[in-house]
Amino acid sequence: MMCDAQYNALEVIPMPEFDTMQNLLTELRRGSLTLAVLGSLREPRYGYALLQTLQGQNIDIEANTLYPLLRRLESQELLTSDWDTSESRPRKYYTVSLRGKEVLKQLMKEWGNMQRSIEAICGEGENDGTDK
Protein backbone atom coordinates (compact mmCIF):
# COMPACT_ATOMS: atom_id res chain seq x y z
CA MET A 1 0.00 0.00 0.00
CA MET A 2 1.40 3.40 -0.99
CA CYS A 3 1.04 6.34 1.33
CA ASP A 4 0.92 9.82 -0.15
CA ALA A 5 0.57 11.78 3.07
CA GLN A 6 2.67 12.39 6.16
CA TYR A 7 0.80 12.81 9.43
CA ASN A 8 1.93 15.07 12.19
CA ALA A 9 0.23 15.97 15.45
CA LEU A 10 -1.61 18.94 13.99
CA GLU A 11 -2.38 18.19 10.36
CA VAL A 12 -1.98 15.89 7.40
CA ILE A 13 0.78 17.12 5.07
CA PRO A 14 0.66 15.78 1.48
CA MET A 15 3.95 14.00 0.65
CA PRO A 16 5.32 16.46 -1.96
CA GLU A 17 4.90 19.33 0.51
CA PHE A 18 6.34 17.18 3.31
CA ASP A 19 9.44 16.38 1.21
CA THR A 20 9.91 20.03 0.34
CA MET A 21 9.54 21.03 3.98
CA GLN A 22 12.01 18.37 5.12
CA ASN A 23 14.57 19.59 2.56
CA LEU A 24 14.13 23.21 3.64
CA LEU A 25 14.48 22.29 7.31
CA THR A 26 17.65 20.33 6.54
CA GLU A 27 19.13 23.39 4.83
CA LEU A 28 18.13 25.63 7.72
CA ARG A 29 19.62 23.30 10.32
CA ARG A 30 22.91 22.72 8.52
CA GLY A 31 24.48 26.08 9.42
CA SER A 32 22.81 26.18 12.81
CA LEU A 33 24.45 22.90 13.80
CA THR A 34 27.89 24.42 13.32
CA LEU A 35 26.96 27.21 15.73
CA ALA A 36 25.56 24.74 18.25
CA VAL A 37 28.64 22.50 18.10
CA LEU A 38 31.13 25.35 18.42
CA GLY A 39 29.11 26.88 21.26
CA SER A 40 28.86 23.55 23.09
CA LEU A 41 32.58 22.85 22.99
CA ARG A 42 33.84 25.67 25.18
CA GLU A 43 34.69 22.82 27.54
CA PRO A 44 36.11 19.50 26.29
CA ARG A 45 33.53 16.86 25.36
CA TYR A 46 33.78 13.56 23.57
CA GLY A 47 31.48 12.87 20.65
CA TYR A 48 28.74 10.88 22.36
CA ALA A 49 28.55 13.31 25.30
CA LEU A 50 28.26 16.19 22.83
CA LEU A 51 25.51 14.33 20.98
CA GLN A 52 23.59 13.90 24.24
CA THR A 53 24.12 17.56 25.14
CA LEU A 54 22.79 18.77 21.81
CA GLN A 55 19.83 16.40 21.82
CA GLY A 56 19.12 17.43 25.42
CA GLN A 57 18.75 20.99 24.13
CA ASN A 58 16.29 19.78 21.45
CA ILE A 59 18.85 20.07 18.65
CA ASP A 60 17.82 17.47 16.07
CA ILE A 61 21.13 15.81 15.17
CA GLU A 62 22.19 12.22 14.56
CA ALA A 63 25.60 10.66 15.18
CA ASN A 64 26.10 10.16 11.42
CA THR A 65 25.79 13.95 11.04
CA LEU A 66 27.77 14.98 14.12
CA TYR A 67 30.96 12.97 13.64
CA PRO A 68 31.67 14.16 10.07
CA LEU A 69 30.93 17.71 11.23
CA LEU A 70 33.45 17.34 14.08
CA ARG A 71 36.09 16.07 11.66
CA ARG A 72 35.40 18.93 9.23
CA LEU A 73 35.58 21.58 11.97
CA GLU A 74 38.82 20.04 13.23
CA SER A 75 40.33 20.06 9.72
CA GLN A 76 39.34 23.74 9.46
CA GLU A 77 41.23 24.30 12.74
CA LEU A 78 38.08 25.46 14.51
CA LEU A 79 38.33 22.56 16.97
CA THR A 80 41.20 20.82 18.68
CA SER A 81 41.09 17.26 19.93
CA ASP A 82 42.89 15.08 22.45
CA TRP A 83 42.65 11.37 23.11
CA ASP A 84 41.97 10.22 26.68
CA THR A 85 43.31 6.68 27.02
CA SER A 86 43.07 6.51 30.81
CA GLU A 87 39.75 4.64 30.64
CA SER A 88 39.22 1.15 29.26
CA ARG A 89 37.72 2.72 26.13
CA PRO A 90 39.72 5.59 24.57
CA ARG A 91 37.73 8.76 23.92
CA LYS A 92 38.51 11.67 21.67
CA TYR A 93 37.72 14.96 23.38
CA TYR A 94 36.99 18.03 21.29
CA THR A 95 37.36 21.67 22.32
CA VAL A 96 36.80 24.88 20.37
CA SER A 97 40.15 26.38 19.36
CA LEU A 98 41.13 30.05 19.65
CA ARG A 99 40.38 30.42 15.94
CA GLY A 100 37.08 28.62 16.50
CA LYS A 101 36.15 31.06 19.26
CA GLU A 102 36.75 34.00 16.94
CA VAL A 103 34.77 32.35 14.15
CA LEU A 104 31.93 31.54 16.57
CA LYS A 105 31.85 35.16 17.74
CA GLN A 106 31.62 36.40 14.13
CA LEU A 107 29.04 33.78 13.16
CA MET A 108 26.87 34.60 16.18
CA LYS A 109 26.98 38.29 15.27
CA GLU A 110 25.97 37.50 11.69
CA TRP A 111 23.28 35.08 12.88
CA GLY A 112 21.81 37.80 15.11
CA ASN A 113 21.86 40.30 12.22
CA MET A 114 20.19 37.77 9.93
CA GLN A 115 17.56 36.94 12.54
CA ARG A 116 16.71 40.64 13.01
CA SER A 117 16.49 41.14 9.25
CA ILE A 118 14.21 38.16 8.78
CA GLU A 119 11.99 39.29 11.66
CA ALA A 120 11.75 42.74 10.05
CA ILE A 121 10.78 41.18 6.71
CA CYS A 122 8.38 38.54 8.03
CA GLY A 123 7.01 40.42 11.01
CA GLU A 124 8.50 40.17 14.47
CA GLY A 125 6.48 38.07 16.87
CA GLU A 126 4.30 36.45 14.22
CA ASN A 127 4.30 32.68 14.31
CA ASP A 128 3.87 31.92 10.63
CA GLY A 129 4.94 35.08 8.81
CA THR A 130 1.55 35.48 7.08
CA ASP A 131 -0.82 38.41 7.29
CA LYS A 132 -4.04 37.77 9.15
C-alpha atoms as a PDB file:
ATOM      1  CA  MET A   1       0.000   0.000   0.000  1.00  0.00           C
ATOM      2  CA  MET A   2       1.403   3.397  -0.988  1.00  0.00           C
ATOM      3  CA  CYS A   3       1.038   6.343   1.330  1.00  0.00           C
ATOM      4  CA  ASP A   4       0.919   9.819  -0.154  1.00  0.00           C
ATOM      5  CA  ALA A   5       0.570  11.778   3.071  1.00  0.00           C
ATOM      6  CA  GLN A   6       2.674  12.387   6.162  1.00  0.00           C
ATOM      7  CA  TYR A   7       0.803  12.806   9.426  1.00  0.00           C
ATOM      8  CA  ASN A   8       1.932  15.068  12.192  1.00  0.00           C
ATOM      9  CA  ALA A   9       0.231  15.968  15.449  1.00  0.00           C
ATOM     10  CA  LEU A  10      -1.611  18.939  13.987  1.00  0.00           C
ATOM     11  CA  GLU A  11      -2.376  18.191  10.362  1.00  0.00           C
ATOM     12  CA  VAL A  12      -1.980  15.895   7.397  1.00  0.00           C
ATOM     13  CA  ILE A  13       0.781  17.120   5.071  1.00  0.00           C
ATOM     14  CA  PRO A  14       0.664  15.783   1.485  1.00  0.00           C
ATOM     15  CA  MET A  15       3.955  13.999   0.646  1.00  0.00           C
ATOM     16  CA  PRO A  16       5.318  16.456  -1.958  1.00  0.00           C
ATOM     17  CA  GLU A  17       4.897  19.330   0.513  1.00  0.00           C
ATOM     18  CA  PHE A  18       6.337  17.178   3.306  1.00  0.00           C
ATOM     19  CA  ASP A  19       9.436  16.375   1.214  1.00  0.00           C
ATOM     20  CA  THR A  20       9.913  20.032   0.341  1.00  0.00           C
ATOM     21  CA  MET A  21       9.540  21.031   3.983  1.00  0.00           C
ATOM     22  CA  GLN A  22      12.011  18.367   5.116  1.00  0.00           C
ATOM     23  CA  ASN A  23      14.569  19.592   2.560  1.00  0.00           C
ATOM     24  CA  LEU A  24      14.127  23.206   3.639  1.00  0.00           C
ATOM     25  CA  LEU A  25      14.475  22.286   7.313  1.00  0.00           C
ATOM     26  CA  THR A  26      17.647  20.331   6.538  1.00  0.00           C
ATOM     27  CA  GLU A  27      19.129  23.386   4.826  1.00  0.00           C
ATOM     28  CA  LEU A  28      18.135  25.633   7.715  1.00  0.00           C
ATOM     29  CA  ARG A  29      19.623  23.298  10.323  1.00  0.00           C
ATOM     30  CA  ARG A  30      22.914  22.724   8.518  1.00  0.00           C
ATOM     31  CA  GLY A  31      24.482  26.079   9.422  1.00  0.00           C
ATOM     32  CA  SER A  32      22.808  26.181  12.814  1.00  0.00           C
ATOM     33  CA  LEU A  33      24.447  22.896  13.797  1.00  0.00           C
ATOM     34  CA  THR A  34      27.890  24.417  13.317  1.00  0.00           C
ATOM     35  CA  LEU A  35      26.961  27.205  15.729  1.00  0.00           C
ATOM     36  CA  ALA A  36      25.558  24.736  18.246  1.00  0.00           C
ATOM     37  CA  VAL A  37      28.640  22.501  18.100  1.00  0.00           C
ATOM     38  CA  LEU A  38      31.134  25.348  18.418  1.00  0.00           C
ATOM     39  CA  GLY A  39      29.109  26.880  21.259  1.00  0.00           C
ATOM     40  CA  SER A  40      28.857  23.547  23.088  1.00  0.00           C
ATOM     41  CA  LEU A  41      32.579  22.845  22.989  1.00  0.00           C
ATOM     42  CA  ARG A  42      33.842  25.670  25.180  1.00  0.00           C
ATOM     43  CA  GLU A  43      34.691  22.821  27.539  1.00  0.00           C
ATOM     44  CA  PRO A  44      36.107  19.498  26.288  1.00  0.00           C
ATOM     45  CA  ARG A  45      33.531  16.860  25.356  1.00  0.00           C
ATOM     46  CA  TYR A  46      33.785  13.559  23.567  1.00  0.00           C
ATOM     47  CA  GLY A  47      31.483  12.871  20.648  1.00  0.00           C
ATOM     48  CA  TYR A  48      28.744  10.878  22.361  1.00  0.00           C
ATOM     49  CA  ALA A  49      28.554  13.313  25.300  1.00  0.00           C
ATOM     50  CA  LEU A  50      28.262  16.185  22.826  1.00  0.00           C
ATOM     51  CA  LEU A  51      25.507  14.328  20.978  1.00  0.00           C
ATOM     52  CA  GLN A  52      23.589  13.903  24.241  1.00  0.00           C
ATOM     53  CA  THR A  53      24.118  17.565  25.142  1.00  0.00           C
ATOM     54  CA  LEU A  54      22.792  18.769  21.806  1.00  0.00           C
ATOM     55  CA  GLN A  55      19.833  16.401  21.819  1.00  0.00           C
ATOM     56  CA  GLY A  56      19.118  17.427  25.423  1.00  0.00           C
ATOM     57  CA  GLN A  57      18.754  20.992  24.128  1.00  0.00           C
ATOM     58  CA  ASN A  58      16.293  19.785  21.452  1.00  0.00           C
ATOM     59  CA  ILE A  59      18.849  20.069  18.649  1.00  0.00           C
ATOM     60  CA  ASP A  60      17.825  17.473  16.071  1.00  0.00           C
ATOM     61  CA  ILE A  61      21.131  15.806  15.172  1.00  0.00           C
ATOM     62  CA  GLU A  62      22.193  12.224  14.560  1.00  0.00           C
ATOM     63  CA  ALA A  63      25.597  10.656  15.176  1.00  0.00           C
ATOM     64  CA  ASN A  64      26.104  10.161  11.422  1.00  0.00           C
ATOM     65  CA  THR A  65      25.793  13.950  11.041  1.00  0.00           C
ATOM     66  CA  LEU A  66      27.765  14.979  14.121  1.00  0.00           C
ATOM     67  CA  TYR A  67      30.961  12.966  13.640  1.00  0.00           C
ATOM     68  CA  PRO A  68      31.672  14.157  10.072  1.00  0.00           C
ATOM     69  CA  LEU A  69      30.928  17.707  11.234  1.00  0.00           C
ATOM     70  CA  LEU A  70      33.446  17.340  14.081  1.00  0.00           C
ATOM     71  CA  ARG A  71      36.095  16.068  11.659  1.00  0.00           C
ATOM     72  CA  ARG A  72      35.399  18.928   9.233  1.00  0.00           C
ATOM     73  CA  LEU A  73      35.580  21.581  11.968  1.00  0.00           C
ATOM     74  CA  GLU A  74      38.819  20.043  13.234  1.00  0.00           C
ATOM     75  CA  SER A  75      40.329  20.064   9.722  1.00  0.00           C
ATOM     76  CA  GLN A  76      39.343  23.744   9.456  1.00  0.00           C
ATOM     77  CA  GLU A  77      41.234  24.300  12.737  1.00  0.00           C
ATOM     78  CA  LEU A  78      38.079  25.456  14.510  1.00  0.00           C
ATOM     79  CA  LEU A  79      38.331  22.557  16.970  1.00  0.00           C
ATOM     80  CA  THR A  80      41.201  20.815  18.679  1.00  0.00           C
ATOM     81  CA  SER A  81      41.089  17.257  19.934  1.00  0.00           C
ATOM     82  CA  ASP A  82      42.894  15.083  22.450  1.00  0.00           C
ATOM     83  CA  TRP A  83      42.645  11.371  23.115  1.00  0.00           C
ATOM     84  CA  ASP A  84      41.969  10.221  26.677  1.00  0.00           C
ATOM     85  CA  THR A  85      43.310   6.684  27.018  1.00  0.00           C
ATOM     86  CA  SER A  86      43.073   6.510  30.807  1.00  0.00           C
ATOM     87  CA  GLU A  87      39.745   4.642  30.638  1.00  0.00           C
ATOM     88  CA  SER A  88      39.215   1.148  29.259  1.00  0.00           C
ATOM     89  CA  ARG A  89      37.723   2.720  26.133  1.00  0.00           C
ATOM     90  CA  PRO A  90      39.721   5.589  24.568  1.00  0.00           C
ATOM     91  CA  ARG A  91      37.734   8.759  23.921  1.00  0.00           C
ATOM     92  CA  LYS A  92      38.513  11.670  21.666  1.00  0.00           C
ATOM     93  CA  TYR A  93      37.719  14.964  23.381  1.00  0.00           C
ATOM     94  CA  TYR A  94      36.987  18.031  21.286  1.00  0.00           C
ATOM     95  CA  THR A  95      37.358  21.674  22.320  1.00  0.00           C
ATOM     96  CA  VAL A  96      36.796  24.877  20.370  1.00  0.00           C
ATOM     97  CA  SER A  97      40.155  26.377  19.356  1.00  0.00           C
ATOM     98  CA  LEU A  98      41.131  30.046  19.646  1.00  0.00           C
ATOM     99  CA  ARG A  99      40.384  30.418  15.941  1.00  0.00           C
ATOM    100  CA  GLY A 100      37.081  28.616  16.502  1.00  0.00           C
ATOM    101  CA  LYS A 101      36.151  31.056  19.265  1.00  0.00           C
ATOM    102  CA  GLU A 102      36.752  33.998  16.938  1.00  0.00           C
ATOM    103  CA  VAL A 103      34.771  32.350  14.150  1.00  0.00           C
ATOM    104  CA  LEU A 104      31.930  31.544  16.565  1.00  0.00           C
ATOM    105  CA  LYS A 105      31.846  35.161  17.737  1.00  0.00           C
ATOM    106  CA  GLN A 106      31.623  36.399  14.126  1.00  0.00           C
ATOM    107  CA  LEU A 107      29.039  33.781  13.158  1.00  0.00           C
ATOM    108  CA  MET A 108      26.870  34.602  16.177  1.00  0.00           C
ATOM    109  CA  LYS A 109      26.980  38.293  15.272  1.00  0.00           C
ATOM    110  CA  GLU A 110      25.975  37.504  11.689  1.00  0.00           C
ATOM    111  CA  TRP A 111      23.284  35.078  12.881  1.00  0.00           C
ATOM    112  CA  GLY A 112      21.809  37.803  15.106  1.00  0.00           C
ATOM    113  CA  ASN A 113      21.862  40.296  12.217  1.00  0.00           C
ATOM    114  CA  MET A 114      20.189  37.772   9.927  1.00  0.00           C
ATOM    115  CA  GLN A 115      17.557  36.945  12.535  1.00  0.00           C
ATOM    116  CA  ARG A 116      16.706  40.639  13.010  1.00  0.00           C
ATOM    117  CA  SER A 117      16.489  41.142   9.246  1.00  0.00           C
ATOM    118  CA  ILE A 118      14.211  38.158   8.780  1.00  0.00           C
ATOM    119  CA  GLU A 119      11.988  39.286  11.657  1.00  0.00           C
ATOM    120  CA  ALA A 120      11.750  42.739  10.047  1.00  0.00           C
ATOM    121  CA  ILE A 121      10.782  41.184   6.706  1.00  0.00           C
ATOM    122  CA  CYS A 122       8.384  38.540   8.034  1.00  0.00           C
ATOM    123  CA  GLY A 123       7.011  40.419  11.008  1.00  0.00           C
ATOM    124  CA  GLU A 124       8.500  40.167  14.471  1.00  0.00           C
ATOM    125  CA  GLY A 125       6.483  38.065  16.869  1.00  0.00           C
ATOM    126  CA  GLU A 126       4.303  36.454  14.220  1.00  0.00           C
ATOM    127  CA  ASN A 127       4.296  32.685  14.308  1.00  0.00           C
ATOM    128  CA  ASP A 128       3.867  31.921  10.630  1.00  0.00           C
ATOM    129  CA  GLY A 129       4.937  35.081   8.805  1.00  0.00           C
ATOM    130  CA  THR A 130       1.550  35.477   7.085  1.00  0.00           C
ATOM    131  CA  ASP A 131      -0.816  38.413   7.289  1.00  0.00           C
ATOM    132  CA  LYS A 132      -4.040  37.767   9.149  1.00  0.00           C
END
